[in-house]
């Protein structure tokens, strides 16, 4: 059987870096400022909507407990009234 694999040539670094060489003449500070600002905005949105979900789920939980008269300590309404 004939193998269809190709033999990799070059040094180990050129193989794992895909022959990438950075260009240090370009000023990347603008990209850093823009990306860090974008990440912080994204993080704030995620935090806000996670808090909204927490509030909604807590509200549903409280409504469920009050609707079905579930006591979290385990005793029922009849035991509290002495019946």
Protein backbone atom coordinates (compact mmCIF):
# COMPACT_ATOMS: atom_id res chain seq x y z
CA UNK A 1 0.00 0.00 0.00
CA UNK A 2 1.15 3.48 -0.79
CA UNK A 3 1.12 6.12 1.96
CA UNK A 4 -0.37 9.53 1.19
CA UNK A 5 1.40 11.31 4.04
CA UNK A 6 3.93 14.05 3.34
CA UNK A 7 7.29 14.25 5.01
CA UNK A 8 7.84 17.46 7.00
CA UNK A 9 11.11 19.19 6.37
CA UNK A 10 12.77 21.95 8.35
CA UNK A 11 13.61 22.63 11.96
CA UNK A 12 11.31 21.84 14.84
CA UNK A 13 10.56 25.54 15.43
CA UNK A 14 9.65 26.15 11.78
CA UNK A 15 7.29 23.17 11.90
CA UNK A 16 5.42 24.22 15.05
CA UNK A 17 5.34 27.95 14.21
CA UNK A 18 4.28 27.42 10.59
CA UNK A 19 7.29 29.55 9.57
CA UNK A 20 5.82 32.64 11.28
CA UNK A 21 8.12 35.59 11.80
CA UNK A 22 6.81 38.64 13.69
CA UNK A 23 7.14 42.12 12.26
CA UNK A 24 8.47 44.33 15.06
CA UNK A 25 8.43 47.47 12.91
CA UNK A 26 4.65 47.72 13.24
CA UNK A 27 3.20 49.42 16.33
CA UNK A 28 0.64 47.02 17.81
CA UNK A 29 -0.32 49.23 20.78
CA UNK A 30 -3.51 50.37 19.04
CA UNK A 31 -4.63 46.78 18.62
CA UNK A 32 -3.83 46.06 22.27
CA UNK A 33 -5.87 49.04 23.49
CA UNK A 34 -8.78 48.21 21.19
CA UNK A 35 -8.81 44.51 22.07
CA UNK A 36 -8.50 45.07 25.81
CA UNK A 37 -11.37 47.57 25.66
CA UNK A 38 -13.48 45.15 23.60
CA UNK A 39 -12.77 42.32 26.02
CA UNK A 40 -13.71 44.47 29.03
CA UNK A 41 -17.01 45.49 27.36
CA UNK A 42 -17.75 41.85 26.56
CA UNK A 43 -16.97 40.84 30.15
CA UNK A 44 -19.28 43.54 31.55
CA UNK A 45 -22.11 42.39 29.26
CA UNK A 46 -21.61 38.77 30.30
CA UNK A 47 -21.62 39.71 33.98
CA UNK A 48 -24.76 41.82 33.60
CA UNK A 49 -26.74 39.15 31.80
CA UNK A 50 -25.57 36.46 34.20
CA UNK A 51 -26.95 38.58 37.05
CA UNK A 52 -30.21 39.01 35.16
CA UNK A 53 -30.48 35.25 34.73
CA UNK A 54 -29.72 34.74 38.42
CA UNK A 55 -32.51 37.15 39.40
CA UNK A 56 -35.00 35.54 37.02
CA UNK A 57 -34.22 32.02 38.25
CA UNK A 58 -34.44 33.11 41.89
CA UNK A 59 -37.81 34.74 41.20
CA UNK A 60 -39.09 31.55 39.55
CA UNK A 61 -37.77 29.50 42.47
CA UNK A 62 -39.53 31.70 45.03
CA UNK A 63 -42.77 31.56 43.04
CA UNK A 64 -42.51 27.78 42.83
CA UNK A 65 -41.94 27.46 46.58
CA UNK A 66 -44.81 29.77 47.47
CA UNK A 67 -47.18 28.24 44.91
CA UNK A 68 -46.71 24.68 46.13
CA UNK A 69 -46.29 25.64 49.84
CA UNK A 70 -42.94 23.94 50.11
CA UNK A 71 -41.11 24.66 53.33
CA UNK A 72 -37.34 24.47 53.05
CA UNK A 73 -36.94 23.17 56.63
CA UNK A 74 -39.05 20.10 55.99
CA UNK A 75 -42.06 20.63 58.26
CA UNK A 76 -45.46 21.03 56.65
CA UNK A 77 -48.21 23.54 57.25
CA UNK A 78 -50.23 21.07 59.34
CA UNK A 79 -47.33 20.36 61.71
CA UNK A 80 -46.85 24.07 62.35
CA UNK A 81 -50.54 24.55 63.11
CA UNK A 82 -50.57 21.55 65.44
CA UNK A 83 -53.08 19.48 63.49
